[in-house]
Amino acid sequence: MNQNLTIDDKNFLTKIAKKIIELKLVTPAIFFLEMAKPLNFIGSQTMVFFGPIVSAFVKTDGYYRAAELFESNVSVEFLISELERLGKNG
């Protein structure tokens, strides 16, 4: 995947960060993302593998997009920085 994030990608990741903040899961999310960073590609491929099962229970509009974005370390780093930035303001 391209290492540069588009504006749409950043907006999508910011939306995810806001939802995590809304659910008050900032600290566990940052901890998990930092811990799983070396395995982000494997995790994204696992999301794709389980996609058909997940789609039976929830809307998958953003699911496959998230799987694609999480292939890149840049996306994970951006999400962590958004959680830290927005979490301080919220």
Protein backbone atom coordinates (compact mmCIF):
# COMPACT_ATOMS: atom_id res chain seq x y z
CA MET A 1 0.00 0.00 0.00
CA ASN A 2 1.05 3.57 -0.61
CA GLN A 3 2.81 5.01 2.44
CA ASN A 4 1.10 8.41 2.03
CA LEU A 5 -2.32 8.94 3.53
CA THR A 6 -4.93 10.83 1.54
CA ILE A 7 -7.26 13.36 3.12
CA ASP A 8 -10.04 10.76 2.97
CA ASP A 9 -7.83 8.24 4.77
CA LYS A 10 -7.02 10.76 7.48
CA ASN A 11 -10.68 11.68 7.89
CA PHE A 12 -11.61 7.99 8.14
CA LEU A 13 -8.95 7.35 10.80
CA THR A 14 -9.98 10.49 12.70
CA LYS A 15 -13.57 9.20 12.70
CA ILE A 16 -12.33 5.91 14.19
CA ALA A 17 -10.34 7.84 16.81
CA LYS A 18 -13.41 9.89 17.77
CA LYS A 19 -15.48 6.72 18.17
CA ILE A 20 -12.79 5.20 20.42
CA ILE A 21 -12.76 8.40 22.50
CA GLU A 22 -16.56 8.36 22.69
CA LEU A 23 -16.42 4.80 24.04
CA LYS A 24 -13.72 5.89 26.55
CA LEU A 25 -11.25 3.27 25.31
CA VAL A 26 -8.33 5.58 24.49
CA THR A 27 -5.75 4.03 26.81
CA PRO A 28 -6.48 0.39 25.92
CA ALA A 29 -6.62 1.29 22.21
CA ILE A 30 -3.24 3.04 22.27
CA PHE A 31 -1.75 0.18 24.28
CA PHE A 32 -3.09 -2.40 21.82
CA LEU A 33 -2.02 -0.43 18.73
CA GLU A 34 1.51 0.07 20.06
CA MET A 35 1.76 -3.60 20.99
CA ALA A 36 0.39 -4.86 17.67
CA LYS A 37 2.28 -2.41 15.43
CA PRO A 38 4.87 -4.98 14.28
CA LEU A 39 2.04 -7.33 13.27
CA ASN A 40 -0.23 -4.80 11.57
CA PHE A 41 0.03 -6.44 8.13
CA ILE A 42 -0.87 -9.87 9.49
CA GLY A 43 -3.73 -8.30 11.45
CA SER A 44 -5.10 -6.57 8.37
CA GLN A 45 -4.98 -9.83 6.41
CA THR A 46 -6.76 -11.57 9.29
CA MET A 47 -9.49 -8.92 9.07
CA VAL A 48 -9.89 -9.70 5.36
CA PHE A 49 -10.02 -13.45 6.09
CA PHE A 50 -12.79 -13.02 8.68
CA GLY A 51 -14.64 -10.42 6.57
CA PRO A 52 -17.33 -12.78 5.26
CA ILE A 53 -18.15 -13.92 8.79
CA VAL A 54 -18.19 -10.39 10.18
CA SER A 55 -20.38 -9.17 7.33
CA ALA A 56 -23.06 -11.59 8.44
CA PHE A 57 -23.42 -9.62 11.68
CA VAL A 58 -22.47 -6.00 10.98
CA LYS A 59 -22.23 -3.49 8.14
CA THR A 60 -18.86 -3.83 6.48
CA ASP A 61 -18.68 -0.46 4.72
CA GLY A 62 -15.69 0.72 6.74
CA TYR A 63 -14.46 -2.73 7.74
CA TYR A 64 -12.57 -3.51 4.54
CA ARG A 65 -11.31 0.04 4.27
CA ALA A 66 -9.88 -0.24 7.79
CA ALA A 67 -8.30 -3.59 6.87
CA GLU A 68 -6.64 -1.95 3.87
CA LEU A 69 -5.43 1.06 5.87
CA PHE A 70 -4.01 -1.03 8.71
CA GLU A 71 -1.61 -2.74 6.30
CA SER A 72 0.54 0.37 6.61
CA ASN A 73 2.53 1.47 9.66
CA VAL A 74 1.79 5.07 8.66
CA SER A 75 -1.94 4.54 9.26
CA VAL A 76 -1.38 2.98 12.67
CA GLU A 77 0.95 5.82 13.69
CA PHE A 78 -1.59 8.40 12.48
CA LEU A 79 -4.40 6.74 14.45
CA ILE A 80 -2.27 6.69 17.61
CA SER A 81 -1.38 10.37 17.19
CA GLU A 82 -5.05 11.26 16.59
CA LEU A 83 -6.08 9.38 19.73
CA GLU A 84 -3.45 11.25 21.74
CA ARG A 85 -4.33 14.63 20.21
CA LEU A 86 -8.10 14.32 20.45
CA GLY A 87 -8.00 12.50 23.78
CA LYS A 88 -6.27 15.46 25.43
CA ASN A 89 -8.88 17.89 24.09
CA GLY A 90 -11.84 15.69 24.96
